[in-house]
């Protein structure tokens, strides 16, 4: 087994709000190995994006803070680096593709200026050399007439083109890890497939690890090697793609998979749903956080939070009753 490139151990991330302190990520642990694609899946609000922002040290300030755990990247704890040290890693050794390309790009600067800024910050290049490399990168991510696009503004590009520019910026310095946070949100199905294929192709060319955050299990099945399932700020199950799709152990994972229509689903039939609502972060239960929605719940599930059990080398689950159900 390869040694981990990124090792997230017992990460706790909290936010100060008007109603008190909220724990958005609670004891999350996982690893990303060199060259692999790790998927992180779960409903909106489960802590996926906050985990990514914690790794990048981009939490909203002063409200957000890493309150516990470690983020070991190539042996260095990102949670304890100084701001200048983190800035030398962010965008250089770790790249990130944000959810919404229109807000990720600065609307008042040209594509060329934003892309060359990344290169000039991290590489010993002249402005002319940075411009030439930026054109090469835009061409690499499939943007036609890159010389023309360099002088255009984000609003002049389509959604798919803007997302390609965001990917180009994230990969400009050839990072060893790319964090892609819902990279296909708000794009039509055809463009989604193109963006995912682009990331896969560039990952192969650069021998890069990818941490893919999504709520789409179809994307997970198609692109990932291993998967982490999150619910209400915690990891409830983790394993290889084959393990989670063929042998899911947690009731939440089973519920997610059951809600996906298949070729055998009768026309106009009602899809399976997970009843109930995710608990609010200000009112988290003391026991299992999925207990109020779980069809297999017992009284002891509501009393104490289950610990994570290792089923085998890769597969682990946080559920009292996984063997019975």
C-alpha atoms as a PDB file:
ATOM      1  CA  UNK A   1       0.000   0.000   0.000  1.00  0.00           C
ATOM      2  CA  UNK A   2       1.334   3.433  -0.942  1.00  0.00           C
ATOM      3  CA  UNK A   3       2.240   5.861   1.801  1.00  0.00           C
ATOM      4  CA  UNK A   4      -0.345   8.654   2.144  1.00  0.00           C
ATOM      5  CA  UNK A   5       0.259  11.959   0.385  1.00  0.00           C
ATOM      6  CA  UNK A   6      -2.338  13.630   2.632  1.00  0.00           C
ATOM      7  CA  UNK A   7      -3.341  12.218   6.024  1.00  0.00           C
ATOM      8  CA  UNK A   8      -6.341  13.883   7.690  1.00  0.00           C
ATOM      9  CA  UNK A   9      -6.562  12.706  11.299  1.00  0.00           C
ATOM     10  CA  UNK A  10      -9.442  13.557  13.683  1.00  0.00           C
ATOM     11  CA  UNK A  11     -10.091  16.940  12.023  1.00  0.00           C
ATOM     12  CA  UNK A  12     -12.401  19.238  13.994  1.00  0.00           C
ATOM     13  CA  UNK A  13     -13.551  22.506  12.394  1.00  0.00           C
ATOM     14  CA  UNK A  14     -15.744  25.016  14.223  1.00  0.00           C
ATOM     15  CA  UNK A  15     -17.437  28.320  13.465  1.00  0.00           C
ATOM     16  CA  UNK A  16     -18.417  31.115  15.826  1.00  0.00           C
ATOM     17  CA  UNK A  17     -21.977  32.259  15.078  1.00  0.00           C
ATOM     18  CA  UNK A  18     -24.485  34.599  16.713  1.00  0.00           C
ATOM     19  CA  UNK A  19     -26.138  31.532  18.248  1.00  0.00           C
ATOM     20  CA  UNK A  20     -22.903  30.057  19.591  1.00  0.00           C
ATOM     21  CA  UNK A  21     -20.088  27.833  18.390  1.00  0.00           C
ATOM     22  CA  UNK A  22     -20.974  25.320  15.661  1.00  0.00           C
ATOM     23  CA  UNK A  23     -18.929  22.185  14.957  1.00  0.00           C
ATOM     24  CA  UNK A  24     -19.221  21.620  11.202  1.00  0.00           C
ATOM     25  CA  UNK A  25     -16.587  18.872  10.978  1.00  0.00           C
ATOM     26  CA  UNK A  26     -16.249  16.497  13.916  1.00  0.00           C
ATOM     27  CA  UNK A  27     -13.350  14.038  14.092  1.00  0.00           C
ATOM     28  CA  UNK A  28     -12.997  13.355  10.359  1.00  0.00           C
ATOM     29  CA  UNK A  29     -10.149  11.028   9.314  1.00  0.00           C
ATOM     30  CA  UNK A  30      -9.082   9.791   5.870  1.00  0.00           C
ATOM     31  CA  UNK A  31      -6.036   9.657   3.616  1.00  0.00           C
ATOM     32  CA  UNK A  32      -5.236  10.417  -0.019  1.00  0.00           C
ATOM     33  CA  UNK A  33      -2.514   8.354  -1.687  1.00  0.00           C
ATOM     34  CA  UNK A  34      -0.254   9.489  -4.542  1.00  0.00           C
ATOM     35  CA  UNK A  35      -1.949   9.209  -7.943  1.00  0.00           C
ATOM     36  CA  UNK A  36      -5.340   7.978  -6.684  1.00  0.00           C
ATOM     37  CA  UNK A  37      -8.790   9.577  -6.787  1.00  0.00           C
ATOM     38  CA  UNK A  38     -10.579   9.751  -3.431  1.00  0.00           C
ATOM     39  CA  UNK A  39     -14.263  10.631  -3.512  1.00  0.00           C
ATOM     40  CA  UNK A  40     -16.013  12.407  -0.633  1.00  0.00           C
ATOM     41  CA  UNK A  41     -19.778  12.095  -0.847  1.00  0.00           C
ATOM     42  CA  UNK A  42     -22.758  13.182   1.233  1.00  0.00           C
ATOM     43  CA  UNK A  43     -25.770  15.484   1.354  1.00  0.00           C
ATOM     44  CA  UNK A  44     -25.437  19.263   1.296  1.00  0.00           C
ATOM     45  CA  UNK A  45     -24.290  20.535   4.680  1.00  0.00           C
ATOM     46  CA  UNK A  46     -22.513  17.329   5.721  1.00  0.00           C
ATOM     47  CA  UNK A  47     -19.101  19.039   5.960  1.00  0.00           C
ATOM     48  CA  UNK A  48     -17.528  18.093   2.611  1.00  0.00           C
ATOM     49  CA  UNK A  49     -16.612  21.604   1.492  1.00  0.00           C
ATOM     50  CA  UNK A  50     -15.622  22.718   5.002  1.00  0.00           C
ATOM     51  CA  UNK A  51     -13.184  19.797   5.119  1.00  0.00           C
ATOM     52  CA  UNK A  52     -11.647  20.959   1.828  1.00  0.00           C
ATOM     53  CA  UNK A  53     -11.424  24.587   3.015  1.00  0.00           C
ATOM     54  CA  UNK A  54      -9.792  23.379   6.240  1.00  0.00           C
ATOM     55  CA  UNK A  55      -7.110  21.524   4.256  1.00  0.00           C
ATOM     56  CA  UNK A  56      -6.471  24.638   2.148  1.00  0.00           C
ATOM     57  CA  UNK A  57      -6.608  26.893   5.243  1.00  0.00           C
ATOM     58  CA  UNK A  58      -9.237  29.035   3.524  1.00  0.00           C
ATOM     59  CA  UNK A  59     -11.890  29.052   6.260  1.00  0.00           C
ATOM     60  CA  UNK A  60     -13.819  32.335   6.592  1.00  0.00           C
ATOM     61  CA  UNK A  61     -12.032  34.512   9.114  1.00  0.00           C
ATOM     62  CA  UNK A  62     -12.305  35.200  11.971  1.00  0.00           C
ATOM     63  CA  UNK A  63     -15.327  32.897  12.434  1.00  0.00           C
ATOM     64  CA  UNK A  64     -13.859  29.618  11.168  1.00  0.00           C
ATOM     65  CA  UNK A  65     -11.065  27.733  12.885  1.00  0.00           C
ATOM     66  CA  UNK A  66      -9.460  24.312  13.002  1.00  0.00           C
ATOM     67  CA  UNK A  67     -10.129  23.275  16.600  1.00  0.00           C
ATOM     68  CA  UNK A  68      -8.442  19.875  16.597  1.00  0.00           C
ATOM     69  CA  UNK A  69      -6.714  17.143  14.629  1.00  0.00           C
ATOM     70  CA  UNK A  70      -3.914  17.218  12.084  1.00  0.00           C
ATOM     71  CA  UNK A  71      -3.545  17.630   8.303  1.00  0.00           C
ATOM     72  CA  UNK A  72      -0.289  15.945   7.327  1.00  0.00           C
ATOM     73  CA  UNK A  73       0.722  16.746   3.751  1.00  0.00           C
ATOM     74  CA  UNK A  74       4.031  15.201   2.711  1.00  0.00           C
ATOM     75  CA  UNK A  75       4.924  15.008   6.401  1.00  0.00           C
ATOM     76  CA  UNK A  76       4.045  18.635   7.276  1.00  0.00           C
ATOM     77  CA  UNK A  77       1.003  19.544   9.376  1.00  0.00           C
ATOM     78  CA  UNK A  78      -0.897  22.147   7.339  1.00  0.00           C
ATOM     79  CA  UNK A  79      -2.928  23.136  10.421  1.00  0.00           C
ATOM     80  CA  UNK A  80       0.207  24.437  12.141  1.00  0.00           C
ATOM     81  CA  UNK A  81       2.000  26.199   9.289  1.00  0.00           C
ATOM     82  CA  UNK A  82       2.442  29.968   9.274  1.00  0.00           C
ATOM     83  CA  UNK A  83       0.482  31.990   6.700  1.00  0.00           C
ATOM     84  CA  UNK A  84       3.544  32.491   4.411  1.00  0.00           C
ATOM     85  CA  UNK A  85       4.364  28.767   4.613  1.00  0.00           C
ATOM     86  CA  UNK A  86       0.782  27.870   3.697  1.00  0.00           C
ATOM     87  CA  UNK A  87       0.765  30.362   0.821  1.00  0.00           C
ATOM     88  CA  UNK A  88       3.827  28.644  -0.658  1.00  0.00           C
ATOM     89  CA  UNK A  89       1.903  25.324  -0.716  1.00  0.00           C
ATOM     90  CA  UNK A  90      -1.570  26.571  -1.700  1.00  0.00           C
ATOM     91  CA  UNK A  91      -1.829  26.804  -5.484  1.00  0.00           C
ATOM     92  CA  UNK A  92       1.622  25.283  -5.867  1.00  0.00           C
ATOM     93  CA  UNK A  93       1.701  21.795  -4.316  1.00  0.00           C
ATOM     94  CA  UNK A  94      -2.071  21.654  -3.661  1.00  0.00           C
ATOM     95  CA  UNK A  95      -4.493  23.045  -6.237  1.00  0.00           C
ATOM     96  CA  UNK A  96      -8.226  23.562  -5.772  1.00  0.00           C
ATOM     97  CA  UNK A  97     -11.173  23.766  -8.159  1.00  0.00           C
ATOM     98  CA  UNK A  98     -14.000  25.637  -6.446  1.00  0.00           C
ATOM     99  CA  UNK A  99     -17.725  24.927  -6.752  1.00  0.00           C
ATOM    100  CA  UNK A 100     -18.869  27.914  -8.792  1.00  0.00           C
ATOM    101  CA  UNK A 101     -16.462  29.101 -11.508  1.00  0.00           C
ATOM    102  CA  UNK A 102     -18.128  32.505 -11.844  1.00  0.00           C
ATOM    103  CA  UNK A 103     -17.381  33.381  -8.213  1.00  0.00           C
ATOM    104  CA  UNK A 104     -13.964  31.658  -8.258  1.00  0.00           C
ATOM    105  CA  UNK A 105     -12.763  34.033 -11.004  1.00  0.00           C
ATOM    106  CA  UNK A 106     -12.306  37.768 -10.468  1.00  0.00           C
ATOM    107  CA  UNK A 107     -14.794  39.523 -12.813  1.00  0.00           C
ATOM    108  CA  UNK A 108     -12.659  42.677 -13.253  1.00  0.00           C
ATOM    109  CA  UNK A 109      -9.429  40.951 -14.324  1.00  0.00           C
ATOM    110  CA  UNK A 110      -8.709  39.206 -17.606  1.00  0.00           C
ATOM    111  CA  UNK A 111      -8.199  35.462 -17.799  1.00  0.00           C
ATOM    112  CA  UNK A 112      -4.566  36.087 -18.703  1.00  0.00           C
ATOM    113  CA  UNK A 113      -3.873  38.252 -15.685  1.00  0.00           C
ATOM    114  CA  UNK A 114      -5.441  35.770 -13.262  1.00  0.00           C
ATOM    115  CA  UNK A 115      -3.572  32.800 -14.728  1.00  0.00           C
ATOM    116  CA  UNK A 116      -0.176  34.513 -14.939  1.00  0.00           C
ATOM    117  CA  UNK A 117      -0.577  35.728 -11.343  1.00  0.00           C
ATOM    118  CA  UNK A 118      -0.494  32.098 -10.155  1.00  0.00           C
ATOM    119  CA  UNK A 119       2.621  31.342 -12.211  1.00  0.00           C
ATOM    120  CA  UNK A 120       4.503  34.505 -11.187  1.00  0.00           C
ATOM    121  CA  UNK A 121       3.741  33.875  -7.516  1.00  0.00           C
ATOM    122  CA  UNK A 122       5.191  30.362  -7.435  1.00  0.00           C
ATOM    123  CA  UNK A 123       7.673  30.162 -10.319  1.00  0.00           C
ATOM    124  CA  UNK A 124      10.812  32.166 -11.217  1.00  0.00           C
ATOM    125  CA  UNK A 125       9.402  33.403 -14.536  1.00  0.00           C
ATOM    126  CA  UNK A 126       9.402  36.725 -16.352  1.00  0.00           C
ATOM    127  CA  UNK A 127       6.037  38.213 -17.355  1.00  0.00           C
ATOM    128  CA  UNK A 128       6.576  37.155 -20.983  1.00  0.00           C
ATOM    129  CA  UNK A 129       7.467  33.603 -19.937  1.00  0.00           C
ATOM    130  CA  UNK A 130       4.406  33.432 -17.659  1.00  0.00           C
ATOM    131  CA  UNK A 131       2.169  34.615 -20.525  1.00  0.00           C
ATOM    132  CA  UNK A 132       3.592  31.947 -22.850  1.00  0.00           C
ATOM    133  CA  UNK A 133       3.125  29.221 -20.236  1.00  0.00           C
ATOM    134  CA  UNK A 134      -0.426  30.405 -19.490  1.00  0.00           C
ATOM    135  CA  UNK A 135      -1.327  30.055 -23.178  1.00  0.00           C
ATOM    136  CA  UNK A 136       0.135  26.530 -23.164  1.00  0.00           C
ATOM    137  CA  UNK A 137      -1.932  25.607 -20.093  1.00  0.00           C
ATOM    138  CA  UNK A 138      -5.161  26.983 -21.594  1.00  0.00           C
ATOM    139  CA  UNK A 139      -4.482  24.934 -24.709  1.00  0.00           C
ATOM    140  CA  UNK A 140      -3.832  21.881 -22.510  1.00  0.00           C
ATOM    141  CA  UNK A 141      -7.269  22.154 -20.870  1.00  0.00           C
ATOM    142  CA  UNK A 142      -8.974  22.361 -24.266  1.00  0.00           C
ATOM    143  CA  UNK A 143      -9.738  26.077 -24.595  1.00  0.00           C
ATOM    144  CA  UNK A 144      -9.785  27.123 -28.289  1.00  0.00           C
ATOM    145  CA  UNK A 145      -7.876  30.238 -29.411  1.00  0.00           C
ATOM    146  CA  UNK A 146      -6.075  30.577 -26.032  1.00  0.00           C
ATOM    147  CA  UNK A 147      -4.225  33.730 -27.162  1.00  0.00           C
ATOM    148  CA  UNK A 148      -7.594  35.462 -27.640  1.00  0.00           C
ATOM    149  CA  UNK A 149      -9.055  34.125 -24.374  1.00  0.00           C
ATOM    150  CA  UNK A 150      -6.094  35.567 -22.434  1.00  0.00           C
ATOM    151  CA  UNK A 151      -7.466  39.060 -23.059  1.00  0.00           C
ATOM    152  CA  UNK A 152     -11.105  38.226 -22.255  1.00  0.00           C
ATOM    153  CA  UNK A 153     -13.019  38.552 -18.985  1.00  0.00           C
ATOM    154  CA  UNK A 154     -14.900  35.729 -17.177  1.00  0.00           C
ATOM    155  CA  UNK A 155     -18.335  36.976 -18.255  1.00  0.00           C
ATOM    156  CA  UNK A 156     -17.324  36.541 -21.911  1.00  0.00           C
ATOM    157  CA  UNK A 157     -16.844  32.786 -21.464  1.00  0.00           C
ATOM    158  CA  UNK A 158     -19.436  30.008 -21.166  1.00  0.00           C
ATOM    159  CA  UNK A 159     -19.844  28.079 -17.920  1.00  0.00           C
ATOM    160  CA  UNK A 160     -17.856  25.136 -19.253  1.00  0.00           C
ATOM    161  CA  UNK A 161     -15.046  27.411 -20.467  1.00  0.00           C
ATOM    162  CA  UNK A 162     -14.899  29.212 -17.108  1.00  0.00           C
ATOM    163  CA  UNK A 163     -14.596  25.870 -15.331  1.00  0.00           C
ATOM    164  CA  UNK A 164     -11.721  24.926 -17.659  1.00  0.00           C
ATOM    165  CA  UNK A 165      -9.989  28.192 -16.755  1.00  0.00           C
ATOM    166  CA  UNK A 166     -10.428  27.414 -13.039  1.00  0.00           C
ATOM    167  CA  UNK A 167      -8.908  23.965 -13.647  1.00  0.00           C
ATOM    168  CA  UNK A 168      -6.050  25.571 -15.596  1.00  0.00           C
ATOM    169  CA  UNK A 169      -5.334  27.892 -12.653  1.00  0.00           C
ATOM    170  CA  UNK A 170      -5.431  24.994 -10.184  1.00  0.00           C
ATOM    171  CA  UNK A 171      -3.031  22.917 -12.305  1.00  0.00           C
ATOM    172  CA  UNK A 172      -0.714  25.722 -13.483  1.00  0.00           C
ATOM    173  CA  UNK A 173       2.080  24.724 -11.079  1.00  0.00           C
ATOM    174  CA  UNK A 174       1.560  20.966 -11.561  1.00  0.00           C
ATOM    175  CA  UNK A 175       0.463  20.190  -7.971  1.00  0.00           C
ATOM    176  CA  UNK A 176       0.764  16.725  -6.458  1.00  0.00           C
ATOM    177  CA  UNK A 177      -2.815  17.013  -5.094  1.00  0.00           C
ATOM    178  CA  UNK A 178      -5.920  18.537  -6.688  1.00  0.00           C
ATOM    179  CA  UNK A 179      -9.011  19.182  -4.552  1.00  0.00           C
ATOM    180  CA  UNK A 180     -12.075  19.418  -6.807  1.00  0.00           C
ATOM    181  CA  UNK A 181     -15.160  20.686  -4.942  1.00  0.00           C
ATOM    182  CA  UNK A 182     -18.275  19.841  -6.977  1.00  0.00           C
ATOM    183  CA  UNK A 183     -16.418  20.636 -10.243  1.00  0.00           C
ATOM    184  CA  UNK A 184     -19.470  19.910 -12.425  1.00  0.00           C
ATOM    185  CA  UNK A 185     -22.144  21.818 -10.471  1.00  0.00           C
ATOM    186  CA  UNK A 186     -24.454  23.954 -12.666  1.00  0.00           C
ATOM    187  CA  UNK A 187     -23.039  22.483 -15.900  1.00  0.00           C
ATOM    188  CA  UNK A 188     -25.125  20.504 -18.366  1.00  0.00           C
ATOM    189  CA  UNK A 189     -24.580  16.755 -18.635  1.00  0.00           C
ATOM    190  CA  UNK A 190     -22.411  16.903 -21.771  1.00  0.00           C
ATOM    191  CA  UNK A 191     -20.085  19.529 -20.281  1.00  0.00           C
ATOM    192  CA  UNK A 192     -19.982  17.604 -16.980  1.00  0.00           C
ATOM    193  CA  UNK A 193     -18.634  14.554 -18.812  1.00  0.00           C
ATOM    194  CA  UNK A 194     -16.032  16.684 -20.608  1.00  0.00           C
ATOM    195  CA  UNK A 195     -14.819  18.290 -17.367  1.00  0.00           C
ATOM    196  CA  UNK A 196     -14.519  14.923 -15.583  1.00  0.00           C
ATOM    197  CA  UNK A 197     -12.659  13.428 -18.544  1.00  0.00           C
ATOM    198  CA  UNK A 198     -10.340  16.470 -18.588  1.00  0.00           C
ATOM    199  CA  UNK A 199      -9.505  16.043 -14.887  1.00  0.00           C
ATOM    200  CA  UNK A 200      -8.904  12.321 -15.411  1.00  0.00           C
ATOM    201  CA  UNK A 201      -6.649  12.957 -18.418  1.00  0.00           C
ATOM    202  CA  UNK A 202      -4.599  15.638 -16.644  1.00  0.00           C
ATOM    203  CA  UNK A 203      -4.342  13.466 -13.541  1.00  0.00           C
ATOM    204  CA  UNK A 204      -2.777  10.723 -15.655  1.00  0.00           C
ATOM    205  CA  UNK A 205      -0.392  13.129 -17.406  1.00  0.00           C
ATOM    206  CA  UNK A 206       0.768  14.812 -14.174  1.00  0.00           C
ATOM    207  CA  UNK A 207       0.695  11.676 -11.930  1.00  0.00           C
ATOM    208  CA  UNK A 208      -1.489  13.706  -9.569  1.00  0.00           C
ATOM    209  CA  UNK A 209      -3.777  12.664  -6.708  1.00  0.00           C
ATOM    210  CA  UNK A 210      -7.360  13.974  -6.789  1.00  0.00           C
ATOM    211  CA  UNK A 211      -9.765  14.530  -3.910  1.00  0.00           C
ATOM    212  CA  UNK A 212     -13.190  14.762  -5.562  1.00  0.00           C
ATOM    213  CA  UNK A 213     -16.042  16.237  -3.517  1.00  0.00           C
ATOM    214  CA  UNK A 214     -19.516  15.545  -4.860  1.00  0.00           C
ATOM    215  CA  UNK A 215     -23.054  14.461  -3.999  1.00  0.00           C
ATOM    216  CA  UNK A 216     -23.342  12.512  -7.258  1.00  0.00           C
ATOM    217  CA  UNK A 217     -22.780   8.782  -6.746  1.00  0.00           C
ATOM    218  CA  UNK A 218     -22.661   8.262 -10.504  1.00  0.00           C
ATOM    219  CA  UNK A 219     -19.585  10.499 -10.683  1.00  0.00           C
ATOM    220  CA  UNK A 220     -18.063   8.592  -7.756  1.00  0.00           C
ATOM    221  CA  UNK A 221     -18.613   5.225  -9.449  1.00  0.00           C
ATOM    222  CA  UNK A 222     -17.093   6.430 -12.708  1.00  0.00           C
ATOM    223  CA  UNK A 223     -14.015   8.287 -11.472  1.00  0.00           C
ATOM    224  CA  UNK A 224     -12.926   7.265  -7.947  1.00  0.00           C
ATOM    225  CA  UNK A 225     -10.732   4.542  -6.453  1.00  0.00           C
ATOM    226  CA  UNK A 226     -11.885   4.940  -2.838  1.00  0.00           C
ATOM    227  CA  UNK A 227     -14.828   6.727  -1.206  1.00  0.00           C
ATOM    228  CA  UNK A 228     -15.510   8.495   2.088  1.00  0.00           C
ATOM    229  CA  UNK A 229     -19.206   8.904   3.019  1.00  0.00           C
ATOM    230  CA  UNK A 230     -19.944  11.852   5.328  1.00  0.00           C
ATOM    231  CA  UNK A 231     -23.078  12.643   7.321  1.00  0.00           C
ATOM    232  CA  UNK A 232     -23.640  15.613   9.675  1.00  0.00           C
ATOM    233  CA  UNK A 233     -19.930  16.365  10.022  1.00  0.00           C
ATOM    234  CA  UNK A 234     -18.741  12.775  10.546  1.00  0.00           C
ATOM    235  CA  UNK A 235     -17.401   9.941   8.385  1.00  0.00           C
ATOM    236  CA  UNK A 236     -19.953   7.097   8.536  1.00  0.00           C
ATOM    237  CA  UNK A 237     -18.335   4.736   6.020  1.00  0.00           C
ATOM    238  CA  UNK A 238     -15.199   4.503   3.896  1.00  0.00           C
ATOM    239  CA  UNK A 239     -13.821   1.937   1.483  1.00  0.00           C
ATOM    240  CA  UNK A 240     -13.082   1.135  -2.130  1.00  0.00           C
ATOM    241  CA  UNK A 241     -15.680   2.011  -4.759  1.00  0.00           C
ATOM    242  CA  UNK A 242     -16.423  -1.697  -5.260  1.00  0.00           C
ATOM    243  CA  UNK A 243     -16.929  -2.243  -1.511  1.00  0.00           C
ATOM    244  CA  UNK A 244     -19.325   0.670  -1.094  1.00  0.00           C
ATOM    245  CA  UNK A 245     -21.375  -0.098  -4.180  1.00  0.00           C
ATOM    246  CA  UNK A 246     -21.420  -3.897  -3.833  1.00  0.00           C
ATOM    247  CA  UNK A 247     -21.358  -4.303  -0.037  1.00  0.00           C
ATOM    248  CA  UNK A 248     -22.498  -1.087   1.687  1.00  0.00           C
ATOM    249  CA  UNK A 249     -22.651  -1.512   5.471  1.00  0.00           C
ATOM    250  CA  UNK A 250     -24.034   1.765   6.860  1.00  0.00           C
ATOM    251  CA  UNK A 251     -27.803   2.396   6.571  1.00  0.00           C
ATOM    252  CA  UNK A 252     -27.083   5.893   5.218  1.00  0.00           C
ATOM    253  CA  UNK A 253     -24.872   4.555   2.420  1.00  0.00           C
ATOM    254  CA  UNK A 254     -27.552   1.975   1.607  1.00  0.00           C
ATOM    255  CA  UNK A 255     -30.175   4.732   1.530  1.00  0.00           C
ATOM    256  CA  UNK A 256     -28.103   6.847  -0.861  1.00  0.00           C
ATOM    257  CA  UNK A 257     -27.591   3.921  -3.226  1.00  0.00           C
ATOM    258  CA  UNK A 258     -31.263   2.922  -3.072  1.00  0.00           C
ATOM    259  CA  UNK A 259     -32.307   6.438  -4.133  1.00  0.00           C
ATOM    260  CA  UNK A 260     -30.516   6.144  -7.503  1.00  0.00           C
ATOM    261  CA  UNK A 261     -32.763   5.127 -10.415  1.00  0.00           C
ATOM    262  CA  UNK A 262     -31.534   2.148 -12.441  1.00  0.00           C
ATOM    263  CA  UNK A 263     -32.362   0.682 -15.853  1.00  0.00           C
ATOM    264  CA  UNK A 264     -34.731  -1.699 -14.032  1.00  0.00           C
ATOM    265  CA  UNK A 265     -36.668   1.103 -12.318  1.00  0.00           C
ATOM    266  CA  UNK A 266     -40.266   1.039 -13.689  1.00  0.00           C
ATOM    267  CA  UNK A 267     -41.420   4.227 -15.478  1.00  0.00           C
ATOM    268  CA  UNK A 268     -43.226   6.750 -13.249  1.00  0.00           C
ATOM    269  CA  UNK A 269     -42.436   4.681 -10.149  1.00  0.00           C
ATOM    270  CA  UNK A 270     -41.612   6.477  -6.900  1.00  0.00           C
ATOM    271  CA  UNK A 271     -37.904   6.498  -6.066  1.00  0.00           C
ATOM    272  CA  UNK A 272     -36.699   5.398  -2.664  1.00  0.00           C
ATOM    273  CA  UNK A 273     -36.083   8.288  -0.231  1.00  0.00           C
ATOM    274  CA  UNK A 274     -34.365   8.642   3.137  1.00  0.00           C
ATOM    275  CA  UNK A 275     -37.122   9.845   5.454  1.00  0.00           C
ATOM    276  CA  UNK A 276     -36.560  12.775   7.824  1.00  0.00           C
ATOM    277  CA  UNK A 277     -34.056  15.628   7.910  1.00  0.00           C
ATOM    278  CA  UNK A 278     -30.360  16.025   8.700  1.00  0.00           C
ATOM    279  CA  UNK A 279     -30.019  17.277  12.317  1.00  0.00           C
ATOM    280  CA  UNK A 280     -29.102  20.946  12.721  1.00  0.00           C
ATOM    281  CA  UNK A 281     -25.513  21.711  13.700  1.00  0.00           C
ATOM    282  CA  UNK A 282     -26.740  23.662  16.735  1.00  0.00           C
ATOM    283  CA  UNK A 283     -28.798  20.700  17.933  1.00  0.00           C
ATOM    284  CA  UNK A 284     -26.735  17.586  17.215  1.00  0.00           C
ATOM    285  CA  UNK A 285     -27.838  14.374  18.975  1.00  0.00           C
ATOM    286  CA  UNK A 286     -25.562  12.703  21.551  1.00  0.00           C
ATOM    287  CA  UNK A 287     -25.818   9.317  19.858  1.00  0.00           C
ATOM    288  CA  UNK A 288     -25.610   8.306  16.211  1.00  0.00           C
ATOM    289  CA  UNK A 289     -26.389  11.340  14.054  1.00  0.00           C
ATOM    290  CA  UNK A 290     -28.327   9.216  11.593  1.00  0.00           C
ATOM    291  CA  UNK A 291     -30.526   7.686  14.329  1.00  0.00           C
ATOM    292  CA  UNK A 292     -33.600   9.886  13.675  1.00  0.00           C
ATOM    293  CA  UNK A 293     -33.694   8.700  10.024  1.00  0.00           C
ATOM    294  CA  UNK A 294     -32.447   5.125  10.378  1.00  0.00           C
ATOM    295  CA  UNK A 295     -34.924   2.257   9.732  1.00  0.00           C
ATOM    296  CA  UNK A 296     -32.803  -0.046  11.946  1.00  0.00           C
ATOM    297  CA  UNK A 297     -32.436   2.249  14.964  1.00  0.00           C
ATOM    298  CA  UNK A 298     -32.387   0.847  18.520  1.00  0.00           C
ATOM    299  CA  UNK A 299     -32.524   2.762  21.793  1.00  0.00           C
ATOM    300  CA  UNK A 300     -28.763   2.408  22.398  1.00  0.00           C
ATOM    301  CA  UNK A 301     -28.066   4.050  19.008  1.00  0.00           C
ATOM    302  CA  UNK A 302     -29.455   7.293  20.420  1.00  0.00           C
ATOM    303  CA  UNK A 303     -27.385   7.202  23.596  1.00  0.00           C
ATOM    304  CA  UNK A 304     -23.760   7.055  22.397  1.00  0.00           C
ATOM    305  CA  UNK A 305     -22.055   7.872  19.126  1.00  0.00           C
ATOM    306  CA  UNK A 306     -20.716   4.678  17.479  1.00  0.00           C
ATOM    307  CA  UNK A 307     -16.970   4.301  17.033  1.00  0.00           C
ATOM    308  CA  UNK A 308     -15.481   3.471  13.652  1.00  0.00           C
ATOM    309  CA  UNK A 309     -14.933  -0.261  13.127  1.00  0.00           C
ATOM    310  CA  UNK A 310     -12.490  -1.636  10.566  1.00  0.00           C
ATOM    311  CA  UNK A 311     -14.054  -4.399   8.471  1.00  0.00           C
ATOM    312  CA  UNK A 312     -10.868  -4.999   6.481  1.00  0.00           C
ATOM    313  CA  UNK A 313      -7.760  -3.080   5.360  1.00  0.00           C
ATOM    314  CA  UNK A 314      -9.817  -0.523   3.385  1.00  0.00           C
ATOM    315  CA  UNK A 315     -13.417  -0.820   4.566  1.00  0.00           C
ATOM    316  CA  UNK A 316     -14.553   0.862   7.794  1.00  0.00           C
ATOM    317  CA  UNK A 317     -17.958   1.836   9.159  1.00  0.00           C
ATOM    318  CA  UNK A 318     -19.425   3.746  12.122  1.00  0.00           C
ATOM    319  CA  UNK A 319     -22.593   1.803  13.000  1.00  0.00           C
ATOM    320  CA  UNK A 320     -23.592  -0.380  15.949  1.00  0.00           C
ATOM    321  CA  UNK A 321     -25.683  -2.753  13.861  1.00  0.00           C
ATOM    322  CA  UNK A 322     -23.753  -3.094  10.583  1.00  0.00           C
ATOM    323  CA  UNK A 323     -23.234  -6.860  11.035  1.00  0.00           C
ATOM    324  CA  UNK A 324     -26.932  -7.508  11.717  1.00  0.00           C
ATOM    325  CA  UNK A 325     -28.335  -5.432   8.849  1.00  0.00           C
END
